[in-house]
Amino acid sequence: MPRIIDKFNCVACGTCERVCIVGCIAQLEDKKRIINSSACVDCGACELSCPKKCISQN
């Protein structure tokens, strides 16, 4: 099940985007991130690396 980012708690650090092995995380205009769920391979690297723990499964 692909991950989702709680944009309210996201501090726009970019850690999730850097660790994503398939490059499915993109930066929005407000510098927060979004996950392309159709490209996500559900590895969990982004969730484990998020310092604010704002990434979870749907």
PDB file of N, CA and C in Angstrom:
ATOM      1  N   MET A   1       0.850  -1.179   0.000  1.00  0.00           N
ATOM      2  CA  MET A   1       0.000   0.000   0.000  1.00  0.00           C
ATOM      3  C   MET A   1       0.898   1.246   0.000  1.00  0.00           C
ATOM      4  N   PRO A   2       0.741   2.126  -0.970  1.00  0.00           N
ATOM      5  CA  PRO A   2       1.589   3.325  -1.059  1.00  0.00           C
ATOM      6  C   PRO A   2       1.483   4.221   0.171  1.00  0.00           C
ATOM      7  N   ARG A   3       2.501   4.994   0.390  1.00  0.00           N
ATOM      8  CA  ARG A   3       2.555   5.904   1.532  1.00  0.00           C
ATOM      9  C   ARG A   3       1.901   7.239   1.180  1.00  0.00           C
ATOM     10  N   ILE A   4       1.495   7.979   2.212  1.00  0.00           N
ATOM     11  CA  ILE A   4       0.988   9.342   2.044  1.00  0.00           C
ATOM     12  C   ILE A   4       1.730  10.251   3.012  1.00  0.00           C
ATOM     13  N   ILE A   5       1.815  11.524   2.672  1.00  0.00           N
ATOM     14  CA  ILE A   5       2.509  12.503   3.508  1.00  0.00           C
ATOM     15  C   ILE A   5       1.474  13.433   4.134  1.00  0.00           C
ATOM     16  N   ASP A   6       1.545  13.583   5.432  1.00  0.00           N
ATOM     17  CA  ASP A   6       0.702  14.541   6.149  1.00  0.00           C
ATOM     18  C   ASP A   6       1.333  15.920   5.940  1.00  0.00           C
ATOM     19  N   LYS A   7       0.808  16.675   4.995  1.00  0.00           N
ATOM     20  CA  LYS A   7       1.412  17.960   4.624  1.00  0.00           C
ATOM     21  C   LYS A   7       1.368  18.987   5.749  1.00  0.00           C
ATOM     22  N   PHE A   8       0.460  18.828   6.695  1.00  0.00           N
ATOM     23  CA  PHE A   8       0.378  19.755   7.812  1.00  0.00           C
ATOM     24  C   PHE A   8       1.616  19.637   8.703  1.00  0.00           C
ATOM     25  N   ASN A   9       2.094  18.423   8.907  1.00  0.00           N
ATOM     26  CA  ASN A   9       3.256  18.196   9.773  1.00  0.00           C
ATOM     27  C   ASN A   9       4.586  18.175   9.031  1.00  0.00           C
ATOM     28  N   CYS A  10       4.552  18.155   7.712  1.00  0.00           N
ATOM     29  CA  CYS A  10       5.773  18.144   6.903  1.00  0.00           C
ATOM     30  C   CYS A  10       6.528  19.471   7.072  1.00  0.00           C
ATOM     31  N   VAL A  11       7.829  19.367   7.326  1.00  0.00           N
ATOM     32  CA  VAL A  11       8.654  20.573   7.487  1.00  0.00           C
ATOM     33  C   VAL A  11       9.492  20.853   6.234  1.00  0.00           C
ATOM     34  N   ALA A  12       9.211  20.147   5.152  1.00  0.00           N
ATOM     35  CA  ALA A  12       9.850  20.362   3.852  1.00  0.00           C
ATOM     36  C   ALA A  12      11.358  20.171   3.884  1.00  0.00           C
ATOM     37  N   CYS A  13      11.832  19.182   4.643  1.00  0.00           N
ATOM     38  CA  CYS A  13      13.273  18.944   4.735  1.00  0.00           C
ATOM     39  C   CYS A  13      13.827  18.228   3.501  1.00  0.00           C
ATOM     40  N   GLY A  14      12.989  17.470   2.796  1.00  0.00           N
ATOM     41  CA  GLY A  14      13.411  16.785   1.582  1.00  0.00           C
ATOM     42  C   GLY A  14      14.060  15.432   1.799  1.00  0.00           C
ATOM     43  N   THR A  15      14.129  14.970   3.031  1.00  0.00           N
ATOM     44  CA  THR A  15      14.766  13.680   3.310  1.00  0.00           C
ATOM     45  C   THR A  15      14.059  12.550   2.576  1.00  0.00           C
ATOM     46  N   CYS A  16      12.750  12.547   2.592  1.00  0.00           N
ATOM     47  CA  CYS A  16      12.000  11.484   1.923  1.00  0.00           C
ATOM     48  C   CYS A  16      12.296  11.431   0.428  1.00  0.00           C
ATOM     49  N   GLU A  17      12.393  12.585  -0.173  1.00  0.00           N
ATOM     50  CA  GLU A  17      12.671  12.647  -1.618  1.00  0.00           C
ATOM     51  C   GLU A  17      14.066  12.115  -1.925  1.00  0.00           C
ATOM     52  N   ARG A  18      15.026  12.402  -1.068  1.00  0.00           N
ATOM     53  CA  ARG A  18      16.396  11.933  -1.282  1.00  0.00           C
ATOM     54  C   ARG A  18      16.539  10.424  -1.135  1.00  0.00           C
ATOM     55  N   VAL A  19      15.767   9.809  -0.239  1.00  0.00           N
ATOM     56  CA  VAL A  19      15.919   8.370  -0.011  1.00  0.00           C
ATOM     57  C   VAL A  19      15.016   7.513  -0.890  1.00  0.00           C
ATOM     58  N   CYS A  20      14.076   8.107  -1.588  1.00  0.00           N
ATOM     59  CA  CYS A  20      13.155   7.339  -2.430  1.00  0.00           C
ATOM     60  C   CYS A  20      13.924   6.631  -3.548  1.00  0.00           C
ATOM     61  N   ILE A  21      13.826   5.304  -3.585  1.00  0.00           N
ATOM     62  CA  ILE A  21      14.610   4.529  -4.547  1.00  0.00           C
ATOM     63  C   ILE A  21      14.057   4.576  -5.970  1.00  0.00           C
ATOM     64  N   VAL A  22      12.783   4.983  -6.112  1.00  0.00           N
ATOM     65  CA  VAL A  22      12.189   5.051  -7.448  1.00  0.00           C
ATOM     66  C   VAL A  22      11.886   6.476  -7.893  1.00  0.00           C
ATOM     67  N   GLY A  23      12.167   7.447  -7.059  1.00  0.00           N
ATOM     68  CA  GLY A  23      11.964   8.845  -7.435  1.00  0.00           C
ATOM     69  C   GLY A  23      10.509   9.251  -7.562  1.00  0.00           C
ATOM     70  N   CYS A  24       9.644   8.686  -6.735  1.00  0.00           N
ATOM     71  CA  CYS A  24       8.213   8.991  -6.860  1.00  0.00           C
ATOM     72  C   CYS A  24       7.761  10.133  -5.959  1.00  0.00           C
ATOM     73  N   ILE A  25       8.691  10.799  -5.272  1.00  0.00           N
ATOM     74  CA  ILE A  25       8.336  11.911  -4.396  1.00  0.00           C
ATOM     75  C   ILE A  25       8.756  13.217  -5.062  1.00  0.00           C
ATOM     76  N   ALA A  26       7.820  14.145  -5.144  1.00  0.00           N
ATOM     77  CA  ALA A  26       8.075  15.418  -5.813  1.00  0.00           C
ATOM     78  C   ALA A  26       7.828  16.576  -4.855  1.00  0.00           C
ATOM     79  N   GLN A  27       8.469  17.690  -5.145  1.00  0.00           N
ATOM     80  CA  GLN A  27       8.328  18.899  -4.333  1.00  0.00           C
ATOM     81  C   GLN A  27       7.221  19.779  -4.896  1.00  0.00           C
ATOM     82  N   LEU A  28       6.360  20.263  -4.019  1.00  0.00           N
ATOM     83  CA  LEU A  28       5.296  21.182  -4.410  1.00  0.00           C
ATOM     84  C   LEU A  28       5.805  22.620  -4.331  1.00  0.00           C
ATOM     85  N   GLU A  29       4.988  23.576  -4.734  1.00  0.00           N
ATOM     86  CA  GLU A  29       5.398  24.985  -4.703  1.00  0.00           C
ATOM     87  C   GLU A  29       5.727  25.474  -3.305  1.00  0.00           C
ATOM     88  N   ASP A  30       5.054  24.924  -2.298  1.00  0.00           N
ATOM     89  CA  ASP A  30       5.314  25.339  -0.917  1.00  0.00           C
ATOM     90  C   ASP A  30       6.482  24.565  -0.290  1.00  0.00           C
ATOM     91  N   LYS A  31       7.228  23.836  -1.125  1.00  0.00           N
ATOM     92  CA  LYS A  31       8.383  23.023  -0.759  1.00  0.00           C
ATOM     93  C   LYS A  31       8.029  21.744  -0.009  1.00  0.00           C
ATOM     94  N   LYS A  32       6.753  21.515   0.252  1.00  0.00           N
ATOM     95  CA  LYS A  32       6.321  20.261   0.857  1.00  0.00           C
ATOM     96  C   LYS A  32       6.368  19.191  -0.217  1.00  0.00           C
ATOM     97  N   ARG A  33       6.315  17.938   0.179  1.00  0.00           N
ATOM     98  CA  ARG A  33       6.440  16.838  -0.770  1.00  0.00           C
ATOM     99  C   ARG A  33       5.117  16.100  -0.951  1.00  0.00           C
ATOM    100  N   ILE A  34       5.022  15.422  -2.100  1.00  0.00           N
ATOM    101  CA  ILE A  34       3.867  14.593  -2.414  1.00  0.00           C
ATOM    102  C   ILE A  34       4.388  13.291  -3.022  1.00  0.00           C
ATOM    103  N   ILE A  35       3.688  12.201  -2.771  1.00  0.00           N
ATOM    104  CA  ILE A  35       4.091  10.889  -3.282  1.00  0.00           C
ATOM    105  C   ILE A  35       3.180  10.491  -4.430  1.00  0.00           C
ATOM    106  N   ASN A  36       3.781  10.120  -5.554  1.00  0.00           N
ATOM    107  CA  ASN A  36       3.035   9.601  -6.697  1.00  0.00           C
ATOM    108  C   ASN A  36       2.719   8.139  -6.370  1.00  0.00           C
ATOM    109  N   SER A  37       1.492   7.878  -5.938  1.00  0.00           N
ATOM    110  CA  SER A  37       1.132   6.545  -5.467  1.00  0.00           C
ATOM    111  C   SER A  37       1.202   5.478  -6.554  1.00  0.00           C
ATOM    112  N   SER A  38       1.042   5.849  -7.806  1.00  0.00           N
ATOM    113  CA  SER A  38       1.112   4.850  -8.873  1.00  0.00           C
ATOM    114  C   SER A  38       2.550   4.414  -9.153  1.00  0.00           C
ATOM    115  N   ALA A  39       3.522   5.223  -8.745  1.00  0.00           N
ATOM    116  CA  ALA A  39       4.933   4.867  -8.952  1.00  0.00           C
ATOM    117  C   ALA A  39       5.576   4.277  -7.701  1.00  0.00           C
ATOM    118  N   CYS A  40       4.931   4.446  -6.555  1.00  0.00           N
ATOM    119  CA  CYS A  40       5.475   3.976  -5.275  1.00  0.00           C
ATOM    120  C   CYS A  40       5.549   2.448  -5.257  1.00  0.00           C
ATOM    121  N   VAL A  41       6.701   1.905  -4.843  1.00  0.00           N
ATOM    122  CA  VAL A  41       6.881   0.453  -4.754  1.00  0.00           C
ATOM    123  C   VAL A  41       6.718  -0.040  -3.323  1.00  0.00           C
ATOM    124  N   ASP A  42       6.306   0.824  -2.418  1.00  0.00           N
ATOM    125  CA  ASP A  42       6.001   0.475  -1.037  1.00  0.00           C
ATOM    126  C   ASP A  42       7.195  -0.122  -0.285  1.00  0.00           C
ATOM    127  N   CYS A  43       8.353   0.492  -0.465  1.00  0.00           N
ATOM    128  CA  CYS A  43       9.551  -0.012   0.227  1.00  0.00           C
ATOM    129  C   CYS A  43       9.629   0.490   1.664  1.00  0.00           C
ATOM    130  N   GLY A  44       9.006   1.641   1.950  1.00  0.00           N
ATOM    131  CA  GLY A  44       8.986   2.180   3.293  1.00  0.00           C
ATOM    132  C   GLY A  44      10.170   3.043   3.676  1.00  0.00           C
ATOM    133  N   ALA A  45      11.100   3.259   2.760  1.00  0.00           N
ATOM    134  CA  ALA A  45      12.296   4.054   3.063  1.00  0.00           C
ATOM    135  C   ALA A  45      11.940   5.478   3.464  1.00  0.00           C
ATOM    136  N   CYS A  46      10.982   6.067   2.792  1.00  0.00           N
ATOM    137  CA  CYS A  46      10.583   7.449   3.109  1.00  0.00           C
ATOM    138  C   CYS A  46       9.989   7.539   4.505  1.00  0.00           C
ATOM    139  N   GLU A  47       9.141   6.595   4.838  1.00  0.00           N
ATOM    140  CA  GLU A  47       8.501   6.591   6.157  1.00  0.00           C
ATOM    141  C   GLU A  47       9.540   6.447   7.271  1.00  0.00           C
ATOM    142  N   LEU A  48      10.505   5.568   7.076  1.00  0.00           N
ATOM    143  CA  LEU A  48      11.539   5.350   8.083  1.00  0.00           C
ATOM    144  C   LEU A  48      12.484   6.537   8.225  1.00  0.00           C
ATOM    145  N   SER A  49      12.694   7.277   7.145  1.00  0.00           N
ATOM    146  CA  SER A  49      13.663   8.370   7.177  1.00  0.00           C
ATOM    147  C   SER A  49      13.077   9.714   7.623  1.00  0.00           C
ATOM    148  N   CYS A  50      11.769   9.845   7.611  1.00  0.00           N
ATOM    149  CA  CYS A  50      11.137  11.142   7.940  1.00  0.00           C
ATOM    150  C   CYS A  50      11.394  11.528   9.398  1.00  0.00           C
ATOM    151  N   PRO A  51      12.059  12.666   9.627  1.00  0.00           N
ATOM    152  CA  PRO A  51      12.356  13.066  10.999  1.00  0.00           C
ATOM    153  C   PRO A  51      11.123  13.473  11.798  1.00  0.00           C
ATOM    154  N   LYS A  52      10.055  13.877  11.111  1.00  0.00           N
ATOM    155  CA  LYS A  52       8.828  14.285  11.790  1.00  0.00           C
ATOM    156  C   LYS A  52       7.775  13.171  11.820  1.00  0.00           C
ATOM    157  N   LYS A  53       8.098  12.032  11.210  1.00  0.00           N
ATOM    158  CA  LYS A  53       7.193  10.878  11.182  1.00  0.00           C
ATOM    159  C   LYS A  53       5.822  11.241  10.630  1.00  0.00           C
ATOM    160  N   CYS A  54       5.819  12.003   9.542  1.00  0.00           N
ATOM    161  CA  CYS A  54       4.554  12.420   8.960  1.00  0.00           C
ATOM    162  C   CYS A  54       4.194  11.625   7.695  1.00  0.00           C
ATOM    163  N   ILE A  55       4.874  10.503   7.479  1.00  0.00           N
ATOM    164  CA  ILE A  55       4.569   9.644   6.346  1.00  0.00           C
ATOM    165  C   ILE A  55       4.012   8.334   6.881  1.00  0.00           C
ATOM    166  N   SER A  56       2.906   7.904   6.288  1.00  0.00           N
ATOM    167  CA  SER A  56       2.279   6.649   6.726  1.00  0.00           C
ATOM    168  C   SER A  56       1.624   5.972   5.550  1.00  0.00           C
ATOM    169  N   GLN A  57       1.150   4.736   5.763  1.00  0.00           N
ATOM    170  CA  GLN A  57       0.411   4.039   4.724  1.00  0.00           C
ATOM    171  C   GLN A  57      -1.006   4.576   4.672  1.00  0.00           C
ATOM    172  N   ASN A  58      -1.627   4.494   3.487  1.00  0.00           N
ATOM    173  CA  ASN A  58      -3.020   4.951   3.316  1.00  0.00           C
ATOM    174  C   ASN A  58      -3.915   4.316   4.332  1.00  0.00           C
TER     175      ASN A  58
END
